[in-house]
Amino acid sequence: MRDKAEPVQIECPRCRYTSIIYIPIEEMPHCPKCGTPMIIRELLDEGKST
């Protein structure tokens, strides 16, 4: 389980606007361009663990 803030890339499914937030510190925002709720596109971990 992840217990520290992790950067994630989020994307608007309608207009493809992207941004980076830190979870769980920040809540999932709405797109500033079209107002659609944004979704997670990629977890931005520096290292991969197996």
PDB file of N, CA and C in Angstrom:
ATOM      1  N   MET A   1       0.843  -1.193   0.000  1.00  0.00           N
ATOM      2  CA  MET A   1       0.000   0.000   0.000  1.00  0.00           C
ATOM      3  C   MET A   1       0.881   1.246   0.000  1.00  0.00           C
ATOM      4  N   ARG A   2       0.453   2.237  -0.708  1.00  0.00           N
ATOM      5  CA  ARG A   2       1.221   3.480  -0.801  1.00  0.00           C
ATOM      6  C   ARG A   2       0.767   4.420   0.307  1.00  0.00           C
ATOM      7  N   ASP A   3       1.727   4.922   1.086  1.00  0.00           N
ATOM      8  CA  ASP A   3       1.359   5.756   2.218  1.00  0.00           C
ATOM      9  C   ASP A   3       1.908   7.172   2.128  1.00  0.00           C
ATOM     10  N   LYS A   4       2.596   7.505   1.050  1.00  0.00           N
ATOM     11  CA  LYS A   4       3.101   8.867   0.888  1.00  0.00           C
ATOM     12  C   LYS A   4       2.518   9.485  -0.381  1.00  0.00           C
ATOM     13  N   ALA A   5       2.696  10.771  -0.536  1.00  0.00           N
ATOM     14  CA  ALA A   5       2.162  11.462  -1.711  1.00  0.00           C
ATOM     15  C   ALA A   5       2.891  11.009  -2.964  1.00  0.00           C
ATOM     16  N   GLU A   6       2.130  10.662  -3.976  1.00  0.00           N
ATOM     17  CA  GLU A   6       2.696  10.181  -5.233  1.00  0.00           C
ATOM     18  C   GLU A   6       2.229  11.068  -6.378  1.00  0.00           C
ATOM     19  N   PRO A   7       3.136  11.434  -7.289  1.00  0.00           N
ATOM     20  CA  PRO A   7       2.712  12.231  -8.443  1.00  0.00           C
ATOM     21  C   PRO A   7       2.004  11.356  -9.473  1.00  0.00           C
ATOM     22  N   VAL A   8       0.903  11.875 -10.021  1.00  0.00           N
ATOM     23  CA  VAL A   8       0.191  11.176 -11.087  1.00  0.00           C
ATOM     24  C   VAL A   8      -0.142  12.171 -12.189  1.00  0.00           C
ATOM     25  N   GLN A   9      -0.134  11.698 -13.406  1.00  0.00           N
ATOM     26  CA  GLN A   9      -0.534  12.541 -14.530  1.00  0.00           C
ATOM     27  C   GLN A   9      -2.026  12.300 -14.750  1.00  0.00           C
ATOM     28  N   ILE A  10      -2.803  13.381 -14.800  1.00  0.00           N
ATOM     29  CA  ILE A  10      -4.234  13.264 -15.030  1.00  0.00           C
ATOM     30  C   ILE A  10      -4.576  13.880 -16.380  1.00  0.00           C
ATOM     31  N   GLU A  11      -5.697  13.435 -16.937  1.00  0.00           N
ATOM     32  CA  GLU A  11      -6.080  13.868 -18.271  1.00  0.00           C
ATOM     33  C   GLU A  11      -7.586  14.046 -18.350  1.00  0.00           C
ATOM     34  N   CYS A  12      -8.006  15.019 -19.125  1.00  0.00           N
ATOM     35  CA  CYS A  12      -9.425  15.226 -19.391  1.00  0.00           C
ATOM     36  C   CYS A  12      -9.826  14.281 -20.528  1.00  0.00           C
ATOM     37  N   PRO A  13     -10.841  13.429 -20.324  1.00  0.00           N
ATOM     38  CA  PRO A  13     -11.235  12.504 -21.381  1.00  0.00           C
ATOM     39  C   PRO A  13     -11.901  13.188 -22.579  1.00  0.00           C
ATOM     40  N   ARG A  14     -12.345  14.409 -22.400  1.00  0.00           N
ATOM     41  CA  ARG A  14     -13.019  15.121 -23.494  1.00  0.00           C
ATOM     42  C   ARG A  14     -12.042  15.912 -24.361  1.00  0.00           C
ATOM     43  N   CYS A  15     -11.231  16.790 -23.754  1.00  0.00           N
ATOM     44  CA  CYS A  15     -10.365  17.676 -24.554  1.00  0.00           C
ATOM     45  C   CYS A  15      -8.883  17.312 -24.478  1.00  0.00           C
ATOM     46  N   ARG A  16      -8.537  16.296 -23.694  1.00  0.00           N
ATOM     47  CA  ARG A  16      -7.155  15.790 -23.563  1.00  0.00           C
ATOM     48  C   ARG A  16      -6.192  16.744 -22.856  1.00  0.00           C
ATOM     49  N   TYR A  17      -6.707  17.706 -22.096  1.00  0.00           N
ATOM     50  CA  TYR A  17      -5.858  18.573 -21.277  1.00  0.00           C
ATOM     51  C   TYR A  17      -5.205  17.703 -20.198  1.00  0.00           C
ATOM     52  N   THR A  18      -3.896  17.859 -19.965  1.00  0.00           N
ATOM     53  CA  THR A  18      -3.208  17.064 -18.952  1.00  0.00           C
ATOM     54  C   THR A  18      -2.601  17.954 -17.876  1.00  0.00           C
ATOM     55  N   SER A  19      -2.416  17.355 -16.714  1.00  0.00           N
ATOM     56  CA  SER A  19      -1.843  18.054 -15.579  1.00  0.00           C
ATOM     57  C   SER A  19      -1.218  17.012 -14.651  1.00  0.00           C
ATOM     58  N   ILE A  20      -0.433  17.461 -13.679  1.00  0.00           N
ATOM     59  CA  ILE A  20       0.157  16.563 -12.695  1.00  0.00           C
ATOM     60  C   ILE A  20      -0.307  16.994 -11.313  1.00  0.00           C
ATOM     61  N   ILE A  21      -0.788  16.022 -10.531  1.00  0.00           N
ATOM     62  CA  ILE A  21      -1.192  16.294  -9.152  1.00  0.00           C
ATOM     63  C   ILE A  21      -0.517  15.269  -8.249  1.00  0.00           C
ATOM     64  N   TYR A  22      -0.573  15.518  -6.953  1.00  0.00           N
ATOM     65  CA  TYR A  22      -0.048  14.581  -5.970  1.00  0.00           C
ATOM     66  C   TYR A  22      -1.208  13.986  -5.201  1.00  0.00           C
ATOM     67  N   ILE A  23      -1.311  12.647  -5.208  1.00  0.00           N
ATOM     68  CA  ILE A  23      -2.356  11.998  -4.432  1.00  0.00           C
ATOM     69  C   ILE A  23      -1.706  11.306  -3.251  1.00  0.00           C
ATOM     70  N   PRO A  24      -2.276  11.223  -2.092  1.00  0.00           N
ATOM     71  CA  PRO A  24      -3.643  11.613  -1.741  1.00  0.00           C
ATOM     72  C   PRO A  24      -3.780  13.042  -1.243  1.00  0.00           C
ATOM     73  N   ILE A  25      -2.785  13.891  -1.444  1.00  0.00           N
ATOM     74  CA  ILE A  25      -2.850  15.276  -0.951  1.00  0.00           C
ATOM     75  C   ILE A  25      -3.939  16.071  -1.676  1.00  0.00           C
ATOM     76  N   GLU A  26      -3.969  16.001  -2.990  1.00  0.00           N
ATOM     77  CA  GLU A  26      -4.927  16.769  -3.779  1.00  0.00           C
ATOM     78  C   GLU A  26      -6.073  15.876  -4.245  1.00  0.00           C
ATOM     79  N   GLU A  27      -7.251  16.452  -4.357  1.00  0.00           N
ATOM     80  CA  GLU A  27      -8.390  15.702  -4.865  1.00  0.00           C
ATOM     81  C   GLU A  27      -8.419  15.793  -6.382  1.00  0.00           C
ATOM     82  N   MET A  28      -9.134  14.868  -7.003  1.00  0.00           N
ATOM     83  CA  MET A  28      -9.227  14.834  -8.461  1.00  0.00           C
ATOM     84  C   MET A  28     -10.010  16.071  -8.930  1.00  0.00           C
ATOM     85  N   PRO A  29      -9.350  16.948  -9.702  1.00  0.00           N
ATOM     86  CA  PRO A  29     -10.004  18.185 -10.132  1.00  0.00           C
ATOM     87  C   PRO A  29     -10.860  18.008 -11.385  1.00  0.00           C
ATOM     88  N   HIS A  30     -11.577  19.067 -11.725  1.00  0.00           N
ATOM     89  CA  HIS A  30     -12.279  19.149 -13.006  1.00  0.00           C
ATOM     90  C   HIS A  30     -11.368  19.892 -13.974  1.00  0.00           C
ATOM     91  N   CYS A  31     -11.524  19.628 -15.260  1.00  0.00           N
ATOM     92  CA  CYS A  31     -10.721  20.268 -16.295  1.00  0.00           C
ATOM     93  C   CYS A  31     -10.963  21.779 -16.280  1.00  0.00           C
ATOM     94  N   PRO A  32      -9.886  22.596 -16.271  1.00  0.00           N
ATOM     95  CA  PRO A  32     -10.066  24.047 -16.278  1.00  0.00           C
ATOM     96  C   PRO A  32     -10.579  24.575 -17.618  1.00  0.00           C
ATOM     97  N   LYS A  33     -10.475  23.796 -18.685  1.00  0.00           N
ATOM     98  CA  LYS A  33     -10.925  24.242 -20.004  1.00  0.00           C
ATOM     99  C   LYS A  33     -12.394  23.926 -20.270  1.00  0.00           C
ATOM    100  N   CYS A  34     -12.822  22.673 -19.951  1.00  0.00           N
ATOM    101  CA  CYS A  34     -14.193  22.297 -20.308  1.00  0.00           C
ATOM    102  C   CYS A  34     -15.039  21.846 -19.122  1.00  0.00           C
ATOM    103  N   GLY A  35     -14.468  21.699 -17.931  1.00  0.00           N
ATOM    104  CA  GLY A  35     -15.240  21.375 -16.741  1.00  0.00           C
ATOM    105  C   GLY A  35     -15.522  19.893 -16.519  1.00  0.00           C
ATOM    106  N   THR A  36     -14.986  19.024 -17.359  1.00  0.00           N
ATOM    107  CA  THR A  36     -15.202  17.588 -17.225  1.00  0.00           C
ATOM    108  C   THR A  36     -14.328  17.031 -16.095  1.00  0.00           C
ATOM    109  N   PRO A  37     -14.823  16.085 -15.291  1.00  0.00           N
ATOM    110  CA  PRO A  37     -13.965  15.466 -14.275  1.00  0.00           C
ATOM    111  C   PRO A  37     -12.785  14.756 -14.939  1.00  0.00           C
ATOM    112  N   MET A  38     -11.600  14.963 -14.391  1.00  0.00           N
ATOM    113  CA  MET A  38     -10.392  14.401 -14.990  1.00  0.00           C
ATOM    114  C   MET A  38     -10.152  12.984 -14.472  1.00  0.00           C
ATOM    115  N   ILE A  39      -9.376  12.199 -15.236  1.00  0.00           N
ATOM    116  CA  ILE A  39      -9.069  10.823 -14.875  1.00  0.00           C
ATOM    117  C   ILE A  39      -7.557  10.637 -14.815  1.00  0.00           C
ATOM    118  N   ILE A  40      -7.106   9.588 -14.108  1.00  0.00           N
ATOM    119  CA  ILE A  40      -5.673   9.294 -14.012  1.00  0.00           C
ATOM    120  C   ILE A  40      -5.202   8.693 -15.327  1.00  0.00           C
ATOM    121  N   ARG A  41      -4.125   9.257 -15.852  1.00  0.00           N
ATOM    122  CA  ARG A  41      -3.552   8.730 -17.090  1.00  0.00           C
ATOM    123  C   ARG A  41      -2.343   7.836 -16.788  1.00  0.00           C
ATOM    124  N   GLU A  42      -1.472   8.289 -15.877  1.00  0.00           N
ATOM    125  CA  GLU A  42      -0.254   7.526 -15.603  1.00  0.00           C
ATOM    126  C   GLU A  42       0.265   7.826 -14.202  1.00  0.00           C
ATOM    127  N   LEU A  43       0.753   6.791 -13.507  1.00  0.00           N
ATOM    128  CA  LEU A  43       1.439   6.989 -12.239  1.00  0.00           C
ATOM    129  C   LEU A  43       2.879   7.343 -12.551  1.00  0.00           C
ATOM    130  N   LEU A  44       3.394   8.385 -11.955  1.00  0.00           N
ATOM    131  CA  LEU A  44       4.732   8.872 -12.294  1.00  0.00           C
ATOM    132  C   LEU A  44       5.761   8.424 -11.260  1.00  0.00           C
ATOM    133  N   ASP A  45       5.877   7.117 -11.076  1.00  0.00           N
ATOM    134  CA  ASP A  45       6.888   6.567 -10.160  1.00  0.00           C
ATOM    135  C   ASP A  45       8.247   6.661 -10.829  1.00  0.00           C
ATOM    136  N   GLU A  46       9.264   7.013 -10.051  1.00  0.00           N
ATOM    137  CA  GLU A  46      10.608   7.084 -10.610  1.00  0.00           C
ATOM    138  C   GLU A  46      11.200   5.707 -10.820  1.00  0.00           C
ATOM    139  N   GLY A  47      10.931   4.791  -9.911  1.00  0.00           N
ATOM    140  CA  GLY A  47      11.471   3.441 -10.039  1.00  0.00           C
ATOM    141  C   GLY A  47      10.335   2.433 -10.065  1.00  0.00           C
ATOM    142  N   LYS A  48      10.572   1.327 -10.690  1.00  0.00           N
ATOM    143  CA  LYS A  48       9.580   0.273 -10.742  1.00  0.00           C
ATOM    144  C   LYS A  48       9.994  -0.816  -9.768  1.00  0.00           C
ATOM    145  N   SER A  49       9.069  -1.298  -8.950  1.00  0.00           N
ATOM    146  CA  SER A  49       9.370  -2.373  -8.033  1.00  0.00           C
ATOM    147  C   SER A  49       8.672  -3.647  -8.476  1.00  0.00           C
ATOM    148  N   THR A  50       9.266  -4.775  -8.179  1.00  0.00           N
ATOM    149  CA  THR A  50       8.657  -6.043  -8.588  1.00  0.00           C
ATOM    150  C   THR A  50       8.245  -6.867  -7.408  1.00  0.00           C
TER     151      THR A  50
END
